Amino acid sequence: ELLTASAWAGALGYLPDELSGKSLRQLLQPEKGAPGEFVAALLDEEDSRPLEVTLRCKDERRKCFRLYRRFDPYAQAVYVLADEVSEERPELLRACG
């Protein structure tokens, strides 16, 4: 589950228990493309470029994050490190779509 780290809860304004059992795609902004496309891009081992995604905060604000991925074929896992790019600035958020 991608949202187990307390850092995600703090960045998005949730309590850790509120994110328990939720996936990253449940917080995607609907207008930013289909969640299935995001998951496919996240799992694409051939393209290691960072992904930029806009996520919905608890208070309905939006934050754009740049996601850096590392694939571990032995654990069959993808590890993600995120940098916050912008917050509540629609002109910048559009560029993150």
C-alpha atoms as a PDB file:
ATOM      1  CA  GLU A   1       0.000   0.000   0.000  1.00  0.00           C
ATOM      2  CA  LEU A   2       1.532   3.295  -1.071  1.00  0.00           C
ATOM      3  CA  LEU A   3       0.003   5.504   1.600  1.00  0.00           C
ATOM      4  CA  THR A   4       1.323   3.899   4.764  1.00  0.00           C
ATOM      5  CA  ALA A   5       4.039   6.473   5.456  1.00  0.00           C
ATOM      6  CA  SER A   6       3.145   9.198   7.914  1.00  0.00           C
ATOM      7  CA  ALA A   7       4.869  11.660   5.570  1.00  0.00           C
ATOM      8  CA  TRP A   8       1.991  11.256   3.073  1.00  0.00           C
ATOM      9  CA  ALA A   9      -0.536  11.974   5.821  1.00  0.00           C
ATOM     10  CA  GLY A  10       1.319  15.092   6.917  1.00  0.00           C
ATOM     11  CA  ALA A  11       1.797  16.421   3.388  1.00  0.00           C
ATOM     12  CA  LEU A  12      -1.865  15.938   2.487  1.00  0.00           C
ATOM     13  CA  GLY A  13      -3.413  16.963   5.820  1.00  0.00           C
ATOM     14  CA  TYR A  14      -4.839  13.563   6.789  1.00  0.00           C
ATOM     15  CA  LEU A  15      -4.400  11.602   9.987  1.00  0.00           C
ATOM     16  CA  PRO A  16      -2.424   8.400   9.338  1.00  0.00           C
ATOM     17  CA  ASP A  17      -5.492   6.265  10.157  1.00  0.00           C
ATOM     18  CA  GLU A  18      -7.536   8.123   7.521  1.00  0.00           C
ATOM     19  CA  LEU A  19      -5.159   6.972   4.792  1.00  0.00           C
ATOM     20  CA  SER A  20      -4.975   3.391   5.986  1.00  0.00           C
ATOM     21  CA  GLY A  21      -6.221   1.093   3.240  1.00  0.00           C
ATOM     22  CA  LYS A  22      -6.245   3.835   0.573  1.00  0.00           C
ATOM     23  CA  SER A  23      -4.131   3.876  -2.527  1.00  0.00           C
ATOM     24  CA  LEU A  24      -2.439   6.813  -4.166  1.00  0.00           C
ATOM     25  CA  ARG A  25      -4.781   6.678  -7.151  1.00  0.00           C
ATOM     26  CA  GLN A  26      -7.794   7.333  -4.873  1.00  0.00           C
ATOM     27  CA  LEU A  27      -6.371  10.816  -4.240  1.00  0.00           C
ATOM     28  CA  LEU A  28      -5.728  11.684  -7.890  1.00  0.00           C
ATOM     29  CA  GLN A  29      -7.526  14.666  -9.327  1.00  0.00           C
ATOM     30  CA  PRO A  30     -10.141  13.256 -11.746  1.00  0.00           C
ATOM     31  CA  GLU A  31      -9.410  15.817 -14.443  1.00  0.00           C
ATOM     32  CA  LYS A  32      -5.750  14.797 -14.573  1.00  0.00           C
ATOM     33  CA  GLY A  33      -6.337  11.589 -16.515  1.00  0.00           C
ATOM     34  CA  ALA A  34      -7.547   8.133 -15.759  1.00  0.00           C
ATOM     35  CA  PRO A  35      -6.135   6.460 -12.646  1.00  0.00           C
ATOM     36  CA  GLY A  36      -5.342   3.409 -14.757  1.00  0.00           C
ATOM     37  CA  GLU A  37      -3.025   5.475 -16.952  1.00  0.00           C
ATOM     38  CA  PHE A  38      -1.233   6.772 -13.869  1.00  0.00           C
ATOM     39  CA  VAL A  39      -0.761   3.262 -12.471  1.00  0.00           C
ATOM     40  CA  ALA A  40       0.589   2.057 -15.836  1.00  0.00           C
ATOM     41  CA  ALA A  41       3.077   4.948 -15.920  1.00  0.00           C
ATOM     42  CA  LEU A  42       4.080   4.357 -12.296  1.00  0.00           C
ATOM     43  CA  LEU A  43       4.829   0.697 -13.009  1.00  0.00           C
ATOM     44  CA  ASP A  44       6.613   1.276 -16.345  1.00  0.00           C
ATOM     45  CA  GLU A  45      10.126  -0.022 -15.652  1.00  0.00           C
ATOM     46  CA  GLU A  46      11.330   1.101 -19.096  1.00  0.00           C
ATOM     47  CA  ASP A  47      10.738   4.792 -18.343  1.00  0.00           C
ATOM     48  CA  SER A  48      12.489   5.919 -15.167  1.00  0.00           C
ATOM     49  CA  ARG A  49      11.748   9.635 -15.594  1.00  0.00           C
ATOM     50  CA  PRO A  50       9.987  11.247 -12.607  1.00  0.00           C
ATOM     51  CA  LEU A  51       6.189  11.457 -12.741  1.00  0.00           C
ATOM     52  CA  GLU A  52       4.303  14.587 -11.775  1.00  0.00           C
ATOM     53  CA  VAL A  53       0.893  14.122 -10.239  1.00  0.00           C
ATOM     54  CA  THR A  54      -1.700  16.340  -8.547  1.00  0.00           C
ATOM     55  CA  LEU A  55      -3.242  14.902  -5.382  1.00  0.00           C
ATOM     56  CA  ARG A  56      -6.269  15.993  -3.381  1.00  0.00           C
ATOM     57  CA  CYS A  57      -5.645  17.083   0.213  1.00  0.00           C
ATOM     58  CA  LYS A  58      -8.137  16.420   3.007  1.00  0.00           C
ATOM     59  CA  ASP A  59      -9.332  20.040   2.881  1.00  0.00           C
ATOM     60  CA  GLU A  60      -9.826  19.771  -0.925  1.00  0.00           C
ATOM     61  CA  ARG A  61      -6.716  21.798  -1.766  1.00  0.00           C
ATOM     62  CA  ARG A  62      -4.526  20.329  -4.470  1.00  0.00           C
ATOM     63  CA  LYS A  63      -0.809  19.696  -4.314  1.00  0.00           C
ATOM     64  CA  CYS A  64       1.459  18.699  -7.144  1.00  0.00           C
ATOM     65  CA  PHE A  65       4.196  16.141  -6.407  1.00  0.00           C
ATOM     66  CA  ARG A  66       7.110  14.856  -8.442  1.00  0.00           C
ATOM     67  CA  LEU A  67       7.484  11.107  -7.894  1.00  0.00           C
ATOM     68  CA  TYR A  68      10.834   9.358  -8.234  1.00  0.00           C
ATOM     69  CA  ARG A  69      10.596   5.575  -8.554  1.00  0.00           C
ATOM     70  CA  ARG A  70      12.932   2.677  -7.853  1.00  0.00           C
ATOM     71  CA  PHE A  71      12.013  -0.816  -8.947  1.00  0.00           C
ATOM     72  CA  ASP A  72      12.939  -3.859  -6.892  1.00  0.00           C
ATOM     73  CA  PRO A  73      12.378  -6.982  -8.999  1.00  0.00           C
ATOM     74  CA  TYR A  74      13.217  -9.318  -6.118  1.00  0.00           C
ATOM     75  CA  ALA A  75      10.561  -7.888  -3.793  1.00  0.00           C
ATOM     76  CA  GLN A  76       8.293  -7.166  -6.781  1.00  0.00           C
ATOM     77  CA  ALA A  77       7.835  -3.643  -5.453  1.00  0.00           C
ATOM     78  CA  VAL A  78       8.119  -0.038  -6.535  1.00  0.00           C
ATOM     79  CA  TYR A  79       9.565   2.387  -4.016  1.00  0.00           C
ATOM     80  CA  VAL A  80       8.490   6.013  -4.404  1.00  0.00           C
ATOM     81  CA  LEU A  81      10.111   9.206  -3.132  1.00  0.00           C
ATOM     82  CA  ALA A  82       8.085  12.392  -3.616  1.00  0.00           C
ATOM     83  CA  ASP A  83       8.956  16.086  -3.740  1.00  0.00           C
ATOM     84  CA  GLU A  84       6.206  18.684  -3.396  1.00  0.00           C
ATOM     85  CA  VAL A  85       6.275  20.903  -6.484  1.00  0.00           C
ATOM     86  CA  SER A  86       3.448  23.368  -5.808  1.00  0.00           C
ATOM     87  CA  GLU A  87       0.314  23.997  -3.789  1.00  0.00           C
ATOM     88  CA  GLU A  88      -2.948  25.734  -4.687  1.00  0.00           C
ATOM     89  CA  ARG A  89      -1.576  27.539  -7.690  1.00  0.00           C
ATOM     90  CA  PRO A  90      -3.706  26.452 -10.666  1.00  0.00           C
ATOM     91  CA  GLU A  91      -1.360  27.876 -13.291  1.00  0.00           C
ATOM     92  CA  LEU A  92       1.413  25.631 -11.979  1.00  0.00           C
ATOM     93  CA  LEU A  93      -0.819  22.650 -11.294  1.00  0.00           C
ATOM     94  CA  ARG A  94      -1.900  22.486 -14.912  1.00  0.00           C
ATOM     95  CA  ALA A  95       1.715  21.950 -15.868  1.00  0.00           C
ATOM     96  CA  CYS A  96       1.856  18.964 -13.534  1.00  0.00           C
ATOM     97  CA  GLY A  97      -1.059  17.158 -15.183  1.00  0.00           C
END
